[in-house]
Amino acid sequence: MKATIIGFVIIAAAVFAILPKDVIGFGLGWGIYVLAFLKGGLPVIAILVGIIAIFIGIADMKDRAEAKKENAQ
């Protein structure tokens, strides 16, 4: 229960930070910076996910080859 409450508080704080101060009247107006971070970070995250997918694929091929060897014997 404590973790759920903390999670809601963190989400509320993040939404408060992103909200524009001019339009709504409250908030920190960090939305532009969040978008800039996402634009810069998304390609890096995509590359890392791609590398992980390649490693998982290679490990899967090795496991299948070992299973095929064991079934042949």
N, C-alpha and C. Protein backbone atom coordinates (compact mmCIF):
# COMPACT_ATOMS: atom_id res chain seq x y z
N MET A 1 0.82 -1.19 0.00
CA MET A 1 0.00 0.00 0.00
C MET A 1 0.87 1.26 0.00
N LYS A 2 1.97 1.20 0.76
CA LYS A 2 2.86 2.36 0.84
C LYS A 2 3.50 2.65 -0.52
N ALA A 3 3.88 1.58 -1.24
CA ALA A 3 4.50 1.77 -2.55
C ALA A 3 3.52 2.38 -3.55
N THR A 4 2.24 2.01 -3.46
CA THR A 4 1.24 2.57 -4.35
C THR A 4 1.06 4.06 -4.10
N ILE A 5 1.01 4.45 -2.85
CA ILE A 5 0.86 5.87 -2.51
C ILE A 5 2.07 6.66 -2.98
N ILE A 6 3.26 6.13 -2.76
CA ILE A 6 4.48 6.79 -3.21
C ILE A 6 4.49 6.92 -4.73
N GLY A 7 4.03 5.88 -5.41
CA GLY A 7 3.95 5.93 -6.87
C GLY A 7 3.02 7.02 -7.35
N PHE A 8 1.85 7.16 -6.73
CA PHE A 8 0.92 8.21 -7.11
C PHE A 8 1.50 9.60 -6.83
N VAL A 9 2.21 9.75 -5.72
CA VAL A 9 2.82 11.04 -5.40
C VAL A 9 3.88 11.40 -6.43
N ILE A 10 4.69 10.43 -6.83
CA ILE A 10 5.73 10.68 -7.83
C ILE A 10 5.11 11.04 -9.17
N ILE A 11 4.06 10.34 -9.58
CA ILE A 11 3.38 10.66 -10.83
C ILE A 11 2.78 12.05 -10.77
N ALA A 12 2.15 12.40 -9.65
CA ALA A 12 1.57 13.74 -9.50
C ALA A 12 2.65 14.82 -9.58
N ALA A 13 3.80 14.57 -8.96
CA ALA A 13 4.89 15.53 -9.01
C ALA A 13 5.42 15.69 -10.43
N ALA A 14 5.51 14.59 -11.17
CA ALA A 14 5.98 14.65 -12.55
C ALA A 14 5.00 15.42 -13.43
N VAL A 15 3.71 15.16 -13.25
CA VAL A 15 2.69 15.88 -14.03
C VAL A 15 2.73 17.36 -13.68
N PHE A 16 2.87 17.69 -12.40
CA PHE A 16 2.97 19.07 -11.97
C PHE A 16 4.18 19.76 -12.62
N ALA A 17 5.30 19.04 -12.72
CA ALA A 17 6.50 19.62 -13.31
C ALA A 17 6.34 19.86 -14.81
N ILE A 18 5.57 19.02 -15.49
CA ILE A 18 5.40 19.14 -16.93
C ILE A 18 4.37 20.20 -17.31
N LEU A 19 3.38 20.44 -16.46
CA LEU A 19 2.31 21.37 -16.79
C LEU A 19 2.84 22.77 -17.05
N PRO A 20 2.31 23.43 -18.09
CA PRO A 20 2.75 24.81 -18.36
C PRO A 20 2.13 25.79 -17.37
N LYS A 21 2.94 26.70 -16.88
CA LYS A 21 2.50 27.66 -15.88
C LYS A 21 1.54 28.69 -16.49
N ASP A 22 1.76 29.07 -17.73
CA ASP A 22 0.99 30.13 -18.37
C ASP A 22 -0.45 29.71 -18.66
N VAL A 23 -0.64 28.51 -19.14
CA VAL A 23 -1.96 28.07 -19.58
C VAL A 23 -2.85 27.70 -18.41
N ILE A 24 -2.33 26.91 -17.49
CA ILE A 24 -3.15 26.36 -16.42
C ILE A 24 -3.09 27.23 -15.16
N GLY A 25 -2.02 27.96 -14.97
CA GLY A 25 -1.90 28.80 -13.79
C GLY A 25 -1.00 28.20 -12.72
N PHE A 26 -0.65 26.95 -12.85
CA PHE A 26 0.27 26.32 -11.91
C PHE A 26 1.09 25.29 -12.67
N GLY A 27 2.16 24.90 -12.11
CA GLY A 27 3.07 23.95 -12.74
C GLY A 27 4.44 24.58 -12.92
N LEU A 28 5.40 23.76 -13.25
CA LEU A 28 6.76 24.26 -13.42
C LEU A 28 7.11 24.59 -14.86
N GLY A 29 6.34 24.08 -15.81
CA GLY A 29 6.58 24.38 -17.21
C GLY A 29 7.79 23.68 -17.80
N TRP A 30 8.09 22.50 -17.33
CA TRP A 30 9.25 21.76 -17.83
C TRP A 30 8.91 20.90 -19.04
N GLY A 31 7.75 21.05 -19.60
CA GLY A 31 7.32 20.21 -20.72
C GLY A 31 8.26 20.28 -21.92
N ILE A 32 8.76 21.46 -22.22
CA ILE A 32 9.67 21.63 -23.35
C ILE A 32 10.96 20.85 -23.11
N TYR A 33 11.44 20.90 -21.89
CA TYR A 33 12.69 20.19 -21.56
C TYR A 33 12.49 18.67 -21.57
N VAL A 34 11.32 18.25 -21.17
CA VAL A 34 11.01 16.81 -21.19
C VAL A 34 10.98 16.32 -22.64
N LEU A 35 10.35 17.10 -23.53
CA LEU A 35 10.32 16.72 -24.94
C LEU A 35 11.72 16.70 -25.54
N ALA A 36 12.54 17.68 -25.19
CA ALA A 36 13.92 17.70 -25.69
C ALA A 36 14.70 16.48 -25.20
N PHE A 37 14.49 16.11 -23.94
CA PHE A 37 15.15 14.92 -23.39
C PHE A 37 14.70 13.67 -24.13
N LEU A 38 13.39 13.57 -24.38
CA LEU A 38 12.89 12.39 -25.09
C LEU A 38 13.41 12.34 -26.52
N LYS A 39 13.47 13.48 -27.18
CA LYS A 39 14.00 13.51 -28.55
C LYS A 39 15.46 13.08 -28.58
N GLY A 40 16.22 13.47 -27.60
CA GLY A 40 17.63 13.10 -27.56
C GLY A 40 17.87 11.71 -27.04
N GLY A 41 17.03 11.26 -26.11
CA GLY A 41 17.25 9.97 -25.48
C GLY A 41 16.65 8.80 -26.21
N LEU A 42 15.62 9.04 -27.00
CA LEU A 42 14.93 7.94 -27.68
C LEU A 42 15.83 7.17 -28.64
N PRO A 43 16.63 7.84 -29.47
CA PRO A 43 17.53 7.06 -30.34
C PRO A 43 18.53 6.22 -29.56
N VAL A 44 19.04 6.75 -28.47
CA VAL A 44 20.00 6.00 -27.65
C VAL A 44 19.32 4.77 -27.05
N ILE A 45 18.12 4.95 -26.53
CA ILE A 45 17.37 3.83 -25.96
C ILE A 45 17.06 2.79 -27.04
N ALA A 46 16.71 3.25 -28.24
CA ALA A 46 16.42 2.33 -29.34
C ALA A 46 17.66 1.51 -29.70
N ILE A 47 18.82 2.14 -29.71
CA ILE A 47 20.06 1.41 -30.01
C ILE A 47 20.33 0.36 -28.93
N LEU A 48 20.17 0.73 -27.66
CA LEU A 48 20.41 -0.22 -26.58
C LEU A 48 19.44 -1.39 -26.64
N VAL A 49 18.17 -1.11 -26.92
CA VAL A 49 17.18 -2.19 -27.04
C VAL A 49 17.53 -3.09 -28.22
N GLY A 50 17.98 -2.51 -29.31
CA GLY A 50 18.39 -3.31 -30.47
C GLY A 50 19.57 -4.21 -30.16
N ILE A 51 20.54 -3.69 -29.44
CA ILE A 51 21.71 -4.51 -29.06
C ILE A 51 21.28 -5.66 -28.16
N ILE A 52 20.41 -5.37 -27.20
CA ILE A 52 19.92 -6.43 -26.31
C ILE A 52 19.15 -7.49 -27.11
N ALA A 53 18.34 -7.04 -28.08
CA ALA A 53 17.60 -8.00 -28.91
C ALA A 53 18.54 -8.89 -29.72
N ILE A 54 19.63 -8.32 -30.21
CA ILE A 54 20.62 -9.11 -30.96
C ILE A 54 21.24 -10.16 -30.04
N PHE A 55 21.64 -9.77 -28.83
CA PHE A 55 22.23 -10.72 -27.89
C PHE A 55 21.25 -11.83 -27.53
N ILE A 56 19.99 -11.48 -27.34
CA ILE A 56 18.98 -12.49 -27.03
C ILE A 56 18.80 -13.44 -28.21
N GLY A 57 18.80 -12.90 -29.42
CA GLY A 57 18.68 -13.74 -30.61
C GLY A 57 19.85 -14.70 -30.76
N ILE A 58 21.05 -14.22 -30.51
CA ILE A 58 22.24 -15.08 -30.60
C ILE A 58 22.17 -16.18 -29.54
N ALA A 59 21.79 -15.83 -28.33
CA ALA A 59 21.68 -16.83 -27.26
C ALA A 59 20.61 -17.86 -27.60
N ASP A 60 19.50 -17.42 -28.20
CA ASP A 60 18.44 -18.34 -28.60
C ASP A 60 18.92 -19.31 -29.68
N MET A 61 19.68 -18.80 -30.64
CA MET A 61 20.22 -19.68 -31.69
C MET A 61 21.18 -20.70 -31.10
N LYS A 62 22.01 -20.30 -30.14
CA LYS A 62 22.93 -21.23 -29.49
C LYS A 62 22.16 -22.30 -28.71
N ASP A 63 21.11 -21.89 -28.01
CA ASP A 63 20.30 -22.85 -27.26
C ASP A 63 19.63 -23.85 -28.19
N ARG A 64 19.13 -23.38 -29.31
CA ARG A 64 18.49 -24.29 -30.27
C ARG A 64 19.49 -25.27 -30.85
N ALA A 65 20.72 -24.80 -31.13
CA ALA A 65 21.75 -25.69 -31.66
C ALA A 65 22.12 -26.75 -30.63
N GLU A 66 22.23 -26.37 -29.36
CA GLU A 66 22.54 -27.33 -28.32
C GLU A 66 21.40 -28.34 -28.15
N ALA A 67 20.18 -27.86 -28.22
CA ALA A 67 19.03 -28.77 -28.09
C ALA A 67 18.99 -29.75 -29.27
N LYS A 68 19.34 -29.27 -30.46
CA LYS A 68 19.36 -30.14 -31.62
C LYS A 68 20.44 -31.22 -31.48
N LYS A 69 21.61 -30.84 -30.91
CA LYS A 69 22.68 -31.80 -30.68
C LYS A 69 22.26 -32.86 -29.67
N GLU A 70 21.60 -32.44 -28.61
CA GLU A 70 21.16 -33.38 -27.58
C GLU A 70 20.09 -34.33 -28.12
N ASN A 71 19.21 -33.85 -28.96
CA ASN A 71 18.15 -34.70 -29.53
C ASN A 71 18.72 -35.68 -30.56
N ALA A 72 19.81 -35.30 -31.21
CA ALA A 72 20.42 -36.17 -32.21
C ALA A 72 21.15 -37.34 -31.55
N GLN A 73 21.61 -37.16 -30.34
CA GLN A 73 22.37 -38.21 -29.68
C GLN A 73 21.47 -39.17 -29.04
